Amino acid sequence: MRNIILLIIISILNLNFSLAQTVSEIDSLLNGIAETENSKEITKTEQADKIIAFGEKSLIILSEFFTDSTLTNVKSDCQERRLTKGEIAIIMADRIEGMPYAQLTRVQNCLLTYCENNPNFIEYYLPWINRDGTENFKNKYVDWIYDTERLDWPIKLKGKARKERKKMIREWKKNTSS
């Protein structure tokens, strides 16, 4: 019995430590991306590759940075200003898994007009995100992450990926209903 309890305690501590390490690692990687000169080059950095490699598991961690208003060196030709660390986190989250822009920003862009040669589609929506408040956007985004409709976004997930996403949604609903 003691061994089982000890094993559970070690597992919980290990889980908390690994999550904290991931948060600090993503923070460090975002800081590295913040040194990029132009927003069009964000996803071409080594740091961006590492964040993208974390995959879907990093989306919630990235959302924690959405409200960070620290100015960076990254110049946005689209917005004609420097981006914040939070906006870089939003761009990275969108690169990992495309967001439903209209649902999250309440802005429809049927013509898909955006800055020329810019791979960051979400960058077009940053003024609306800032107008409505990044905290509001973050809340909508987190709700979308845990929404069962996301199981079919952008394409139907199959196999292990679908099971993992269902498990994540069930756990979140259980924790929020308590």
Protein backbone atom coordinates (compact mmCIF):
# COMPACT_ATOMS: atom_id res chain seq x y z
CA MET A 1 0.00 0.00 0.00
CA ARG A 2 2.81 2.40 0.89
CA ASN A 3 4.51 1.69 -2.42
CA ILE A 4 1.35 2.51 -4.35
CA ILE A 5 0.89 5.81 -2.51
CA LEU A 6 4.56 6.66 -3.00
CA LEU A 7 4.28 5.86 -6.70
CA ILE A 8 1.20 8.10 -7.03
CA ILE A 9 2.93 10.99 -5.25
CA ILE A 10 6.03 10.67 -7.43
CA SER A 11 3.87 10.54 -10.56
CA ILE A 12 1.98 13.69 -9.58
CA LEU A 13 5.18 15.57 -8.75
CA ASN A 14 6.77 14.42 -11.99
CA LEU A 15 3.73 15.57 -13.98
CA ASN A 16 3.75 19.00 -12.32
CA PHE A 17 7.49 19.36 -12.89
CA SER A 18 7.29 18.40 -16.55
CA LEU A 19 4.42 20.84 -17.15
CA ALA A 20 6.31 23.66 -15.43
CA GLN A 21 9.36 22.84 -17.48
CA THR A 22 7.28 23.02 -20.66
CA VAL A 23 5.83 26.43 -19.67
CA SER A 24 9.27 27.85 -19.00
CA GLU A 25 10.64 26.25 -22.16
CA ILE A 26 7.87 27.74 -24.30
CA ASP A 27 8.42 31.11 -22.60
CA SER A 28 12.10 30.91 -23.47
CA LEU A 29 11.32 29.92 -27.07
CA LEU A 30 8.84 32.81 -27.43
CA ASN A 31 11.55 35.16 -26.15
CA GLY A 32 13.87 33.81 -28.86
CA ILE A 33 11.23 34.36 -31.53
CA ALA A 34 10.75 37.91 -30.19
CA GLU A 35 14.20 38.79 -31.54
CA THR A 36 13.09 38.17 -35.15
CA GLU A 37 12.93 41.34 -37.22
CA ASN A 38 9.84 40.70 -39.35
CA SER A 39 6.64 38.82 -38.55
CA LYS A 40 6.81 36.98 -41.89
CA GLU A 41 9.93 35.22 -40.59
CA ILE A 42 8.51 34.07 -37.22
CA THR A 43 7.69 30.53 -38.29
CA LYS A 44 11.05 30.08 -40.01
CA THR A 45 12.98 30.28 -36.74
CA GLU A 46 14.47 27.34 -34.90
CA GLN A 47 12.44 28.31 -31.81
CA ALA A 48 9.19 28.21 -33.78
CA ASP A 49 10.07 24.75 -35.08
CA LYS A 50 10.52 23.56 -31.50
CA ILE A 51 7.17 25.01 -30.37
CA ILE A 52 5.41 23.48 -33.38
CA ALA A 53 7.05 20.14 -32.56
CA PHE A 54 5.33 20.20 -29.13
CA GLY A 55 2.12 19.98 -31.15
CA GLU A 56 -1.40 20.20 -29.80
CA LYS A 57 -0.23 19.80 -26.20
CA SER A 58 1.35 23.26 -26.32
CA LEU A 59 -1.86 25.09 -27.33
CA ILE A 60 -3.13 25.63 -23.77
CA ILE A 61 0.34 26.70 -22.61
CA LEU A 62 0.58 29.16 -25.51
CA SER A 63 -2.85 30.56 -24.61
CA GLU A 64 -1.44 31.57 -21.22
CA PHE A 65 0.84 34.00 -23.07
CA PHE A 66 -1.93 35.58 -25.22
CA THR A 67 -2.38 38.43 -22.74
CA ASP A 68 1.36 39.25 -22.47
CA SER A 69 1.66 42.84 -23.70
CA THR A 70 5.47 42.95 -23.70
CA LEU A 71 6.64 44.64 -26.90
CA THR A 72 9.07 42.66 -29.02
CA ASN A 73 11.46 43.45 -31.87
CA VAL A 74 9.13 41.75 -34.36
CA LYS A 75 7.83 44.28 -36.88
CA SER A 76 4.51 43.56 -38.56
CA ASP A 77 4.23 45.02 -42.04
CA CYS A 78 0.50 44.26 -41.90
CA GLN A 79 -0.11 46.19 -38.71
CA GLU A 80 2.70 48.73 -39.24
CA ARG A 81 3.90 48.29 -35.67
CA ARG A 82 5.85 45.97 -33.42
CA LEU A 83 4.05 42.89 -32.13
CA THR A 84 3.64 41.90 -28.50
CA LYS A 85 4.77 38.60 -27.04
CA GLY A 86 1.10 37.64 -26.72
CA GLU A 87 0.49 38.26 -30.40
CA ILE A 88 3.46 36.03 -31.25
CA ALA A 89 1.94 33.31 -29.05
CA ILE A 90 -1.37 33.71 -30.94
CA ILE A 91 0.45 33.35 -34.28
CA MET A 92 2.28 30.25 -33.05
CA ALA A 93 -0.94 28.66 -31.77
CA ASP A 94 -2.57 29.31 -35.15
CA ARG A 95 0.39 27.68 -36.92
CA ILE A 96 0.04 24.54 -34.79
CA GLU A 97 -3.67 24.27 -35.46
CA GLY A 98 -5.59 26.71 -37.60
CA MET A 99 -8.20 28.67 -35.68
CA PRO A 100 -11.80 29.30 -36.70
CA TYR A 101 -11.23 33.04 -37.15
CA ALA A 102 -14.85 34.10 -37.58
CA GLN A 103 -15.93 32.18 -34.48
CA LEU A 104 -13.16 33.57 -32.28
CA THR A 105 -12.93 37.15 -33.59
CA ARG A 106 -16.50 37.67 -34.86
CA VAL A 107 -14.95 38.98 -38.11
CA GLN A 108 -15.61 37.28 -41.43
CA ASN A 109 -12.95 37.60 -44.12
CA CYS A 110 -14.57 35.91 -47.11
CA LEU A 111 -12.00 37.21 -49.57
CA LEU A 112 -9.10 36.03 -47.40
CA THR A 113 -7.43 39.38 -47.79
CA TYR A 114 -4.33 39.70 -45.72
CA CYS A 115 -0.86 41.04 -46.03
CA GLU A 116 0.91 40.04 -49.18
CA ASN A 117 3.30 37.09 -48.79
CA ASN A 118 2.51 36.76 -45.09
CA PRO A 119 1.97 33.16 -43.92
CA ASN A 120 0.40 34.30 -40.62
CA PHE A 121 -3.30 34.49 -41.49
CA ILE A 122 -4.26 35.37 -37.89
CA GLU A 123 -2.16 38.54 -38.13
CA TYR A 124 -4.94 40.13 -40.18
CA TYR A 125 -7.31 39.73 -37.19
CA LEU A 126 -5.02 41.21 -34.50
CA PRO A 127 -6.75 44.63 -34.47
CA TRP A 128 -10.12 42.98 -33.71
CA ILE A 129 -8.56 40.72 -31.10
CA ASN A 130 -7.01 43.76 -29.38
CA ARG A 131 -10.22 45.78 -29.66
CA ASP A 132 -12.26 43.07 -27.94
CA GLY A 133 -9.48 42.38 -25.43
CA THR A 134 -6.89 39.63 -25.44
CA GLU A 135 -8.33 38.16 -22.23
CA ASN A 136 -11.71 37.78 -23.95
CA PHE A 137 -10.02 36.20 -26.98
CA LYS A 138 -8.05 33.85 -24.72
CA ASN A 139 -11.26 32.71 -23.00
CA LYS A 140 -12.99 32.06 -26.34
CA TYR A 141 -9.92 30.21 -27.57
CA VAL A 142 -9.70 27.96 -24.50
CA ASP A 143 -13.44 27.23 -24.76
CA TRP A 144 -12.89 26.28 -28.40
CA ILE A 145 -9.91 24.06 -27.53
CA TYR A 146 -12.12 22.04 -25.19
CA ASP A 147 -15.25 22.08 -27.38
CA THR A 148 -16.44 18.71 -28.67
CA GLU A 149 -17.06 20.31 -32.08
CA ARG A 150 -13.29 20.69 -32.35
CA LEU A 151 -13.10 16.93 -32.80
CA ASP A 152 -14.14 17.59 -36.39
CA TRP A 153 -11.99 20.70 -36.91
CA PRO A 154 -10.43 21.15 -39.47
CA ILE A 155 -10.82 17.56 -40.59
CA LYS A 156 -12.20 14.56 -38.76
CA LEU A 157 -9.59 13.13 -36.45
CA LYS A 158 -9.13 9.40 -36.47
CA GLY A 159 -7.61 6.80 -34.23
CA LYS A 160 -5.27 7.74 -31.42
CA ALA A 161 -5.44 11.52 -32.05
CA ARG A 162 -9.25 11.49 -31.74
CA LYS A 163 -9.10 9.41 -28.53
CA GLU A 164 -6.53 11.77 -27.00
CA ARG A 165 -8.61 14.83 -27.85
CA LYS A 166 -11.78 13.23 -26.45
CA LYS A 167 -9.91 12.37 -23.25
CA MET A 168 -8.64 15.95 -22.93
CA ILE A 169 -12.17 17.33 -23.40
CA ARG A 170 -13.67 14.89 -20.85
CA GLU A 171 -11.03 15.79 -18.25
CA TRP A 172 -11.58 19.50 -18.78
CA LYS A 173 -15.37 19.19 -18.46
CA LYS A 174 -14.96 17.11 -15.30
CA ASN A 175 -12.61 19.70 -13.76
CA THR A 176 -14.78 22.69 -14.68
CA SER A 177 -18.01 21.13 -13.44
CA SER A 178 -16.54 20.49 -9.97
